[in-house]
Amino acid sequence: MATMLDFFHYNEISPREKLGPTGRTIEANLKKRINAVIAIMRDMEKTQTRPTVAMIESLFQTEEPKKKPLILEKKFVEEKPKVRFQEKQNHNNEL
């Protein structure tokens, strides 16, 4: 008992005082900080990394340009409607 009292007296520790955070409270604080860092990294990935990667990939993708037909002047030709039935002409010209 005397040795224990000497320990407290030598280290200037009172048995009525708290020695500081325990292992459990330190672990809980670390978990909170780690979860906060993970949340920040996920947010950065969503808002910065993915859009940037998509833009860079789109720059380096090579696509063949689509061949568009040349715009030419349209010529409007009036076509006579085709007649399906015609009267036969009499070569005798009889009235």
PDB file of N, CA and C in Angstrom:
ATOM      1  N   MET A   1       0.830  -1.177   0.000  1.00  0.00           N
ATOM      2  CA  MET A   1       0.000   0.000   0.000  1.00  0.00           C
ATOM      3  C   MET A   1       0.884   1.254   0.000  1.00  0.00           C
ATOM      4  N   ALA A   2       1.927   1.204   0.766  1.00  0.00           N
ATOM      5  CA  ALA A   2       2.829   2.348   0.828  1.00  0.00           C
ATOM      6  C   ALA A   2       3.490   2.575  -0.517  1.00  0.00           C
ATOM      7  N   THR A   3       3.782   1.514  -1.257  1.00  0.00           N
ATOM      8  CA  THR A   3       4.408   1.644  -2.569  1.00  0.00           C
ATOM      9  C   THR A   3       3.458   2.327  -3.540  1.00  0.00           C
ATOM     10  N   MET A   4       2.169   1.994  -3.461  1.00  0.00           N
ATOM     11  CA  MET A   4       1.184   2.619  -4.346  1.00  0.00           C
ATOM     12  C   MET A   4       1.053   4.107  -4.019  1.00  0.00           C
ATOM     13  N   LEU A   5       1.030   4.452  -2.765  1.00  0.00           N
ATOM     14  CA  LEU A   5       0.945   5.854  -2.388  1.00  0.00           C
ATOM     15  C   LEU A   5       2.188   6.619  -2.834  1.00  0.00           C
ATOM     16  N   ASP A   6       3.353   5.979  -2.725  1.00  0.00           N
ATOM     17  CA  ASP A   6       4.576   6.619  -3.190  1.00  0.00           C
ATOM     18  C   ASP A   6       4.537   6.847  -4.708  1.00  0.00           C
ATOM     19  N   PHE A   7       3.966   5.891  -5.445  1.00  0.00           N
ATOM     20  CA  PHE A   7       3.840   6.035  -6.899  1.00  0.00           C
ATOM     21  C   PHE A   7       3.028   7.280  -7.242  1.00  0.00           C
ATOM     22  N   PHE A   8       1.864   7.441  -6.605  1.00  0.00           N
ATOM     23  CA  PHE A   8       1.005   8.598  -6.871  1.00  0.00           C
ATOM     24  C   PHE A   8       1.697   9.902  -6.463  1.00  0.00           C
ATOM     25  N   HIS A   9       2.390   9.867  -5.326  1.00  0.00           N
ATOM     26  CA  HIS A   9       3.070  11.059  -4.843  1.00  0.00           C
ATOM     27  C   HIS A   9       4.265  11.406  -5.739  1.00  0.00           C
ATOM     28  N   TYR A  10       5.026  10.418  -6.166  1.00  0.00           N
ATOM     29  CA  TYR A  10       6.204  10.631  -6.992  1.00  0.00           C
ATOM     30  C   TYR A  10       5.818  11.180  -8.369  1.00  0.00           C
ATOM     31  N   ASN A  11       4.749  10.646  -8.980  1.00  0.00           N
ATOM     32  CA  ASN A  11       4.293  11.068 -10.319  1.00  0.00           C
ATOM     33  C   ASN A  11       3.314  12.229 -10.258  1.00  0.00           C
ATOM     34  N   GLU A  12       3.051  12.724  -9.109  1.00  0.00           N
ATOM     35  CA  GLU A  12       2.121  13.818  -8.879  1.00  0.00           C
ATOM     36  C   GLU A  12       0.760  13.539  -9.505  1.00  0.00           C
ATOM     37  N   ILE A  13       0.241  12.384  -9.189  1.00  0.00           N
ATOM     38  CA  ILE A  13      -1.054  11.952  -9.696  1.00  0.00           C
ATOM     39  C   ILE A  13      -1.973  11.764  -8.502  1.00  0.00           C
ATOM     40  N   SER A  14      -3.188  12.243  -8.663  1.00  0.00           N
ATOM     41  CA  SER A  14      -4.181  12.042  -7.627  1.00  0.00           C
ATOM     42  C   SER A  14      -5.095  10.906  -8.059  1.00  0.00           C
ATOM     43  N   PRO A  15      -5.437  10.011  -7.182  1.00  0.00           N
ATOM     44  CA  PRO A  15      -6.344   8.914  -7.553  1.00  0.00           C
ATOM     45  C   PRO A  15      -7.740   9.409  -7.904  1.00  0.00           C
ATOM     46  N   ARG A  16      -8.047  10.638  -7.557  1.00  0.00           N
ATOM     47  CA  ARG A  16      -9.374  11.194  -7.835  1.00  0.00           C
ATOM     48  C   ARG A  16      -9.430  11.860  -9.216  1.00  0.00           C
ATOM     49  N   GLU A  17      -8.287  12.075  -9.884  1.00  0.00           N
ATOM     50  CA  GLU A  17      -8.251  12.722 -11.189  1.00  0.00           C
ATOM     51  C   GLU A  17      -8.343  11.684 -12.317  1.00  0.00           C
ATOM     52  N   LYS A  18      -8.836  12.166 -13.440  1.00  0.00           N
ATOM     53  CA  LYS A  18      -8.847  11.294 -14.620  1.00  0.00           C
ATOM     54  C   LYS A  18      -7.482  11.377 -15.269  1.00  0.00           C
ATOM     55  N   LEU A  19      -6.995  10.257 -15.772  1.00  0.00           N
ATOM     56  CA  LEU A  19      -5.668  10.207 -16.384  1.00  0.00           C
ATOM     57  C   LEU A  19      -5.689  10.646 -17.849  1.00  0.00           C
ATOM     58  N   GLY A  20      -6.839  10.855 -18.399  1.00  0.00           N
ATOM     59  CA  GLY A  20      -6.929  11.258 -19.805  1.00  0.00           C
ATOM     60  C   GLY A  20      -7.841  10.318 -20.558  1.00  0.00           C
ATOM     61  N   PRO A  21      -7.854  10.458 -21.839  1.00  0.00           N
ATOM     62  CA  PRO A  21      -8.756   9.617 -22.630  1.00  0.00           C
ATOM     63  C   PRO A  21      -8.322   8.151 -22.585  1.00  0.00           C
ATOM     64  N   THR A  22      -9.323   7.302 -22.576  1.00  0.00           N
ATOM     65  CA  THR A  22      -9.037   5.864 -22.577  1.00  0.00           C
ATOM     66  C   THR A  22      -8.867   5.404 -24.017  1.00  0.00           C
ATOM     67  N   GLY A  23      -8.493   4.157 -24.168  1.00  0.00           N
ATOM     68  CA  GLY A  23      -8.303   3.580 -25.499  1.00  0.00           C
ATOM     69  C   GLY A  23      -9.567   3.609 -26.328  1.00  0.00           C
ATOM     70  N   ARG A  24     -10.712   3.423 -25.679  1.00  0.00           N
ATOM     71  CA  ARG A  24     -11.985   3.413 -26.415  1.00  0.00           C
ATOM     72  C   ARG A  24     -12.325   4.803 -26.949  1.00  0.00           C
ATOM     73  N   THR A  25     -12.107   5.831 -26.152  1.00  0.00           N
ATOM     74  CA  THR A  25     -12.440   7.174 -26.628  1.00  0.00           C
ATOM     75  C   THR A  25     -11.481   7.606 -27.736  1.00  0.00           C
ATOM     76  N   ILE A  26     -10.221   7.228 -27.625  1.00  0.00           N
ATOM     77  CA  ILE A  26      -9.266   7.541 -28.688  1.00  0.00           C
ATOM     78  C   ILE A  26      -9.659   6.832 -29.977  1.00  0.00           C
ATOM     79  N   GLU A  27     -10.054   5.576 -29.874  1.00  0.00           N
ATOM     80  CA  GLU A  27     -10.472   4.804 -31.048  1.00  0.00           C
ATOM     81  C   GLU A  27     -11.716   5.423 -31.687  1.00  0.00           C
ATOM     82  N   ALA A  28     -12.681   5.843 -30.863  1.00  0.00           N
ATOM     83  CA  ALA A  28     -13.903   6.455 -31.402  1.00  0.00           C
ATOM     84  C   ALA A  28     -13.574   7.761 -32.129  1.00  0.00           C
ATOM     85  N   ASN A  29     -12.683   8.565 -31.561  1.00  0.00           N
ATOM     86  CA  ASN A  29     -12.294   9.819 -32.213  1.00  0.00           C
ATOM     87  C   ASN A  29     -11.589   9.556 -33.541  1.00  0.00           C
ATOM     88  N   LEU A  30     -10.716   8.548 -33.575  1.00  0.00           N
ATOM     89  CA  LEU A  30     -10.020   8.210 -34.815  1.00  0.00           C
ATOM     90  C   LEU A  30     -10.995   7.726 -35.888  1.00  0.00           C
ATOM     91  N   LYS A  31     -11.976   6.912 -35.486  1.00  0.00           N
ATOM     92  CA  LYS A  31     -12.968   6.428 -36.450  1.00  0.00           C
ATOM     93  C   LYS A  31     -13.760   7.584 -37.040  1.00  0.00           C
ATOM     94  N   LYS A  32     -14.120   8.558 -36.188  1.00  0.00           N
ATOM     95  CA  LYS A  32     -14.859   9.712 -36.694  1.00  0.00           C
ATOM     96  C   LYS A  32     -14.029  10.488 -37.703  1.00  0.00           C
ATOM     97  N   ARG A  33     -12.769  10.685 -37.400  1.00  0.00           N
ATOM     98  CA  ARG A  33     -11.900  11.435 -38.316  1.00  0.00           C
ATOM     99  C   ARG A  33     -11.685  10.675 -39.617  1.00  0.00           C
ATOM    100  N   ILE A  34     -11.492   9.369 -39.521  1.00  0.00           N
ATOM    101  CA  ILE A  34     -11.296   8.553 -40.727  1.00  0.00           C
ATOM    102  C   ILE A  34     -12.551   8.577 -41.591  1.00  0.00           C
ATOM    103  N   ASN A  35     -13.723   8.483 -40.968  1.00  0.00           N
ATOM    104  CA  ASN A  35     -14.974   8.538 -41.729  1.00  0.00           C
ATOM    105  C   ASN A  35     -15.146   9.899 -42.404  1.00  0.00           C
ATOM    106  N   ALA A  36     -14.726  10.964 -41.718  1.00  0.00           N
ATOM    107  CA  ALA A  36     -14.809  12.292 -42.324  1.00  0.00           C
ATOM    108  C   ALA A  36     -13.879  12.397 -43.534  1.00  0.00           C
ATOM    109  N   VAL A  37     -12.680  11.839 -43.431  1.00  0.00           N
ATOM    110  CA  VAL A  37     -11.731  11.866 -44.551  1.00  0.00           C
ATOM    111  C   VAL A  37     -12.284  11.051 -45.725  1.00  0.00           C
ATOM    112  N   ILE A  38     -12.890   9.911 -45.437  1.00  0.00           N
ATOM    113  CA  ILE A  38     -13.483   9.081 -46.496  1.00  0.00           C
ATOM    114  C   ILE A  38     -14.606   9.845 -47.193  1.00  0.00           C
ATOM    115  N   ALA A  39     -15.439  10.543 -46.427  1.00  0.00           N
ATOM    116  CA  ALA A  39     -16.534  11.316 -47.012  1.00  0.00           C
ATOM    117  C   ALA A  39     -15.990  12.425 -47.911  1.00  0.00           C
ATOM    118  N   ILE A  40     -14.926  13.086 -47.480  1.00  0.00           N
ATOM    119  CA  ILE A  40     -14.320  14.140 -48.292  1.00  0.00           C
ATOM    120  C   ILE A  40     -13.761  13.568 -49.589  1.00  0.00           C
ATOM    121  N   MET A  41     -13.098  12.418 -49.510  1.00  0.00           N
ATOM    122  CA  MET A  41     -12.526  11.796 -50.712  1.00  0.00           C
ATOM    123  C   MET A  41     -13.610  11.366 -51.689  1.00  0.00           C
ATOM    124  N   ARG A  42     -14.718  10.825 -51.178  1.00  0.00           N
ATOM    125  CA  ARG A  42     -15.816  10.419 -52.066  1.00  0.00           C
ATOM    126  C   ARG A  42     -16.423  11.626 -52.758  1.00  0.00           C
ATOM    127  N   ASP A  43     -16.583  12.716 -52.015  1.00  0.00           N
ATOM    128  CA  ASP A  43     -17.128  13.927 -52.601  1.00  0.00           C
ATOM    129  C   ASP A  43     -16.195  14.468 -53.687  1.00  0.00           C
ATOM    130  N   MET A  44     -14.904  14.458 -53.427  1.00  0.00           N
ATOM    131  CA  MET A  44     -13.929  14.915 -54.431  1.00  0.00           C
ATOM    132  C   MET A  44     -13.992  14.041 -55.676  1.00  0.00           C
ATOM    133  N   GLU A  45     -14.145  12.747 -55.478  1.00  0.00           N
ATOM    134  CA  GLU A  45     -14.198  11.834 -56.617  1.00  0.00           C
ATOM    135  C   GLU A  45     -15.422  12.129 -57.476  1.00  0.00           C
ATOM    136  N   LYS A  46     -16.573  12.363 -56.816  1.00  0.00           N
ATOM    137  CA  LYS A  46     -17.804  12.609 -57.558  1.00  0.00           C
ATOM    138  C   LYS A  46     -17.787  13.950 -58.277  1.00  0.00           C
ATOM    139  N   THR A  47     -17.291  14.983 -57.612  1.00  0.00           N
ATOM    140  CA  THR A  47     -17.407  16.323 -58.176  1.00  0.00           C
ATOM    141  C   THR A  47     -16.203  16.746 -59.007  1.00  0.00           C
ATOM    142  N   GLN A  48     -15.035  16.149 -58.790  1.00  0.00           N
ATOM    143  CA  GLN A  48     -13.848  16.611 -59.491  1.00  0.00           C
ATOM    144  C   GLN A  48     -13.212  15.545 -60.366  1.00  0.00           C
ATOM    145  N   THR A  49     -12.934  14.396 -59.815  1.00  0.00           N
ATOM    146  CA  THR A  49     -12.140  13.398 -60.520  1.00  0.00           C
ATOM    147  C   THR A  49     -12.896  12.793 -61.697  1.00  0.00           C
ATOM    148  N   ARG A  50     -14.102  12.305 -61.475  1.00  0.00           N
ATOM    149  CA  ARG A  50     -14.839  11.638 -62.555  1.00  0.00           C
ATOM    150  C   ARG A  50     -15.129  12.569 -63.734  1.00  0.00           C
ATOM    151  N   PRO A  51     -15.643  13.780 -63.487  1.00  0.00           N
ATOM    152  CA  PRO A  51     -15.872  14.661 -64.642  1.00  0.00           C
ATOM    153  C   PRO A  51     -14.586  15.008 -65.388  1.00  0.00           C
ATOM    154  N   THR A  52     -13.504  15.194 -64.661  1.00  0.00           N
ATOM    155  CA  THR A  52     -12.233  15.529 -65.306  1.00  0.00           C
ATOM    156  C   THR A  52     -11.750  14.370 -66.153  1.00  0.00           C
ATOM    157  N   VAL A  53     -11.837  13.167 -65.632  1.00  0.00           N
ATOM    158  CA  VAL A  53     -11.418  11.982 -66.390  1.00  0.00           C
ATOM    159  C   VAL A  53     -12.280  11.829 -67.639  1.00  0.00           C
ATOM    160  N   ALA A  54     -13.569  12.058 -67.516  1.00  0.00           N
ATOM    161  CA  ALA A  54     -14.456  11.933 -68.669  1.00  0.00           C
ATOM    162  C   ALA A  54     -14.102  12.958 -69.743  1.00  0.00           C
ATOM    163  N   MET A  55     -13.789  14.194 -69.320  1.00  0.00           N
ATOM    164  CA  MET A  55     -13.415  15.212 -70.295  1.00  0.00           C
ATOM    165  C   MET A  55     -12.105  14.855 -70.999  1.00  0.00           C
ATOM    166  N   ILE A  56     -11.132  14.370 -70.241  1.00  0.00           N
ATOM    167  CA  ILE A  56      -9.841  14.003 -70.840  1.00  0.00           C
ATOM    168  C   ILE A  56     -10.004  12.827 -71.794  1.00  0.00           C
ATOM    169  N   GLU A  57     -10.807  11.837 -71.405  1.00  0.00           N
ATOM    170  CA  GLU A  57     -11.039  10.699 -72.295  1.00  0.00           C
ATOM    171  C   GLU A  57     -11.721  11.144 -73.584  1.00  0.00           C
ATOM    172  N   SER A  58     -12.670  12.060 -73.470  1.00  0.00           N
ATOM    173  CA  SER A  58     -13.362  12.514 -74.672  1.00  0.00           C
ATOM    174  C   SER A  58     -12.409  13.272 -75.598  1.00  0.00           C
ATOM    175  N   LEU A  59     -11.405  13.927 -75.041  1.00  0.00           N
ATOM    176  CA  LEU A  59     -10.435  14.624 -75.879  1.00  0.00           C
ATOM    177  C   LEU A  59      -9.555  13.658 -76.653  1.00  0.00           C
ATOM    178  N   PHE A  60      -9.228  12.532 -76.051  1.00  0.00           N
ATOM    179  CA  PHE A  60      -8.318  11.594 -76.688  1.00  0.00           C
ATOM    180  C   PHE A  60      -9.017  10.540 -77.539  1.00  0.00           C
ATOM    181  N   GLN A  61     -10.327  10.501 -77.527  1.00  0.00           N
ATOM    182  CA  GLN A  61     -11.036   9.551 -78.370  1.00  0.00           C
ATOM    183  C   GLN A  61     -10.989  10.046 -79.809  1.00  0.00           C
ATOM    184  N   THR A  62     -10.648   9.140 -80.690  1.00  0.00           N
ATOM    185  CA  THR A  62     -10.587   9.519 -82.099  1.00  0.00           C
ATOM    186  C   THR A  62     -11.751   8.876 -82.826  1.00  0.00           C
ATOM    187  N   GLU A  63     -12.557   9.705 -83.390  1.00  0.00           N
ATOM    188  CA  GLU A  63     -13.673   9.229 -84.190  1.00  0.00           C
ATOM    189  C   GLU A  63     -13.495   9.754 -85.599  1.00  0.00           C
ATOM    190  N   GLU A  64     -13.873   8.928 -86.542  1.00  0.00           N
ATOM    191  CA  GLU A  64     -13.803   9.385 -87.916  1.00  0.00           C
ATOM    192  C   GLU A  64     -14.891  10.418 -88.138  1.00  0.00           C
ATOM    193  N   PRO A  65     -14.527  11.506 -88.762  1.00  0.00           N
ATOM    194  CA  PRO A  65     -15.549  12.527 -89.001  1.00  0.00           C
ATOM    195  C   PRO A  65     -16.618  11.989 -89.945  1.00  0.00           C
ATOM    196  N   LYS A  66     -17.827  12.336 -89.644  1.00  0.00           N
ATOM    197  CA  LYS A  66     -18.927  11.872 -90.474  1.00  0.00           C
ATOM    198  C   LYS A  66     -18.882  12.605 -91.807  1.00  0.00           C
ATOM    199  N   LYS A  67     -19.048  11.837 -92.863  1.00  0.00           N
ATOM    200  CA  LYS A  67     -19.021  12.437 -94.199  1.00  0.00           C
ATOM    201  C   LYS A  67     -20.395  13.015 -94.496  1.00  0.00           C
ATOM    202  N   LYS A  68     -20.416  14.313 -94.652  1.00  0.00           N
ATOM    203  CA  LYS A  68     -21.665  14.986 -94.958  1.00  0.00           C
ATOM    204  C   LYS A  68     -21.700  15.240 -96.458  1.00  0.00           C
ATOM    205  N   PRO A  69     -22.829  15.063 -97.071  1.00  0.00           N
ATOM    206  CA  PRO A  69     -22.907  15.338 -98.507  1.00  0.00           C
ATOM    207  C   PRO A  69     -22.773  16.841 -98.750  1.00  0.00           C
ATOM    208  N   LEU A  70     -22.169  17.158 -99.876  1.00  0.00           N
ATOM    209  CA  LEU A  70     -22.022  18.560-100.228  1.00  0.00           C
ATOM    210  C   LEU A  70     -23.377  19.161-100.534  1.00  0.00           C
ATOM    211  N   ILE A  71     -23.522  20.384-100.161  1.00  0.00           N
ATOM    212  CA  ILE A  71     -24.782  21.061-100.433  1.00  0.00           C
ATOM    213  C   ILE A  71     -24.698  21.610-101.853  1.00  0.00           C
ATOM    214  N   LEU A  72     -25.508  21.077-102.715  1.00  0.00           N
ATOM    215  CA  LEU A  72     -25.530  21.493-104.117  1.00  0.00           C
ATOM    216  C   LEU A  72     -26.820  22.236-104.406  1.00  0.00           C
ATOM    217  N   GLU A  73     -26.754  23.044-105.448  1.00  0.00           N
ATOM    218  CA  GLU A  73     -27.947  23.779-105.834  1.00  0.00           C
ATOM    219  C   GLU A  73     -28.960  22.793-106.400  1.00  0.00           C
ATOM    220  N   LYS A  74     -30.137  22.878-105.902  1.00  0.00           N
ATOM    221  CA  LYS A  74     -31.171  21.973-106.383  1.00  0.00           C
ATOM    222  C   LYS A  74     -31.776  22.559-107.667  1.00  0.00           C
ATOM    223  N   LYS A  75     -31.858  21.732-108.662  1.00  0.00           N
ATOM    224  CA  LYS A  75     -32.444  22.155-109.928  1.00  0.00           C
ATOM    225  C   LYS A  75     -33.857  21.605-109.986  1.00  0.00           C
ATOM    226  N   PHE A  76     -34.761  22.546-110.138  1.00  0.00           N
ATOM    227  CA  PHE A  76     -36.150  22.140-110.202  1.00  0.00           C
ATOM    228  C   PHE A  76     -36.531  21.971-111.674  1.00  0.00           C
ATOM    229  N   VAL A  77     -36.835  20.773-112.013  1.00  0.00           N
ATOM    230  CA  VAL A  77     -37.238  20.474-113.391  1.00  0.00           C
ATOM    231  C   VAL A  77     -38.724  20.174-113.349  1.00  0.00           C
ATOM    232  N   GLU A  78     -39.433  20.889-114.182  1.00  0.00           N
ATOM    233  CA  GLU A  78     -40.869  20.629-114.223  1.00  0.00           C
ATOM    234  C   GLU A  78     -41.105  19.417-115.107  1.00  0.00           C
ATOM    235  N   GLU A  79     -41.622  18.457-114.503  1.00  0.00           N
ATOM    236  CA  GLU A  79     -41.918  17.253-115.258  1.00  0.00           C
ATOM    237  C   GLU A  79     -43.400  17.249-115.595  1.00  0.00           C
ATOM    238  N   LYS A  80     -43.673  16.850-116.829  1.00  0.00           N
ATOM    239  CA  LYS A  80     -45.064  16.738-117.224  1.00  0.00           C
ATOM    240  C   LYS A  80     -45.625  15.480-116.607  1.00  0.00           C
ATOM    241  N   PRO A  81     -46.794  15.602-116.078  1.00  0.00           N
ATOM    242  CA  PRO A  81     -47.373  14.384-115.499  1.00  0.00           C
ATOM    243  C   PRO A  81     -47.613  13.353-116.586  1.00  0.00           C
ATOM    244  N   LYS A  82     -47.335  12.161-116.258  1.00  0.00           N
ATOM    245  CA  LYS A  82     -47.521  11.084-117.218  1.00  0.00           C
ATOM    246  C   LYS A  82     -49.011  10.794-117.361  1.00  0.00           C
ATOM    247  N   VAL A  83     -49.404  10.707-118.589  1.00  0.00           N
ATOM    248  CA  VAL A  83     -50.815  10.435-118.873  1.00  0.00           C
ATOM    249  C   VAL A  83     -50.970   8.930-119.001  1.00  0.00           C
ATOM    250  N   ARG A  84     -51.904   8.436-118.282  1.00  0.00           N
ATOM    251  CA  ARG A  84     -52.090   6.998-118.303  1.00  0.00           C
ATOM    252  C   ARG A  84     -52.968   6.548-119.477  1.00  0.00           C
ATOM    253  N   PHE A  85     -53.984   7.369-119.769  1.00  0.00           N
ATOM    254  CA  PHE A  85     -54.902   7.001-120.852  1.00  0.00           C
ATOM    255  C   PHE A  85     -54.923   8.109-121.888  1.00  0.00           C
ATOM    256  N   GLN A  86     -54.832   7.705-123.137  1.00  0.00           N
ATOM    257  CA  GLN A  86     -54.920   8.670-124.237  1.00  0.00           C
ATOM    258  C   GLN A  86     -55.971   8.200-125.229  1.00  0.00           C
ATOM    259  N   GLU A  87     -56.608   9.198-125.894  1.00  0.00           N
ATOM    260  CA  GLU A  87     -57.588   8.850-126.931  1.00  0.00           C
ATOM    261  C   GLU A  87     -56.833   8.483-128.198  1.00  0.00           C
ATOM    262  N   LYS A  88     -57.354   7.519-128.847  1.00  0.00           N
ATOM    263  CA  LYS A  88     -56.742   7.136-130.102  1.00  0.00           C
ATOM    264  C   LYS A  88     -57.189   8.102-131.171  1.00  0.00           C
ATOM    265  N   GLN A  89     -56.290   8.487-131.962  1.00  0.00           N
ATOM    266  CA  GLN A  89     -56.629   9.399-133.049  1.00  0.00           C
ATOM    267  C   GLN A  89     -56.955   8.570-134.296  1.00  0.00           C
ATOM    268  N   ASN A  90     -57.983   9.008-134.915  1.00  0.00           N
ATOM    269  CA  ASN A  90     -58.378   8.336-136.158  1.00  0.00           C
ATOM    270  C   ASN A  90     -57.562   8.917-137.297  1.00  0.00           C
ATOM    271  N   HIS A  91     -56.996   8.059-138.008  1.00  0.00           N
ATOM    272  CA  HIS A  91     -56.196   8.523-139.113  1.00  0.00           C
ATOM    273  C   HIS A  91     -57.080   8.906-140.320  1.00  0.00           C
ATOM    274  N   ASN A  92     -58.323   8.559-140.273  1.00  0.00           N
ATOM    275  CA  ASN A  92     -59.201   8.830-141.407  1.00  0.00           C
ATOM    276  C   ASN A  92     -59.851  10.214-141.317  1.00  0.00           C
ATOM    277  N   ASN A  93     -59.842  10.818-140.253  1.00  0.00           N
ATOM    278  CA  ASN A  93     -60.438  12.125-139.958  1.00  0.00           C
ATOM    279  C   ASN A  93     -61.876  12.211-140.448  1.00  0.00           C
ATOM    280  N   GLU A  94     -62.651  11.303-140.094  1.00  0.00           N
ATOM    281  CA  GLU A  94     -64.059  11.278-140.493  1.00  0.00           C
ATOM    282  C   GLU A  94     -64.864  12.026-139.449  1.00  0.00           C
ATOM    283  N   LEU A  95     -65.839  12.811-139.984  1.00  0.00           N
ATOM    284  CA  LEU A  95     -66.732  13.531-139.102  1.00  0.00           C
ATOM    285  C   LEU A  95     -68.109  13.023-139.179  1.00  0.00           C
TER     286      LEU A  95
END
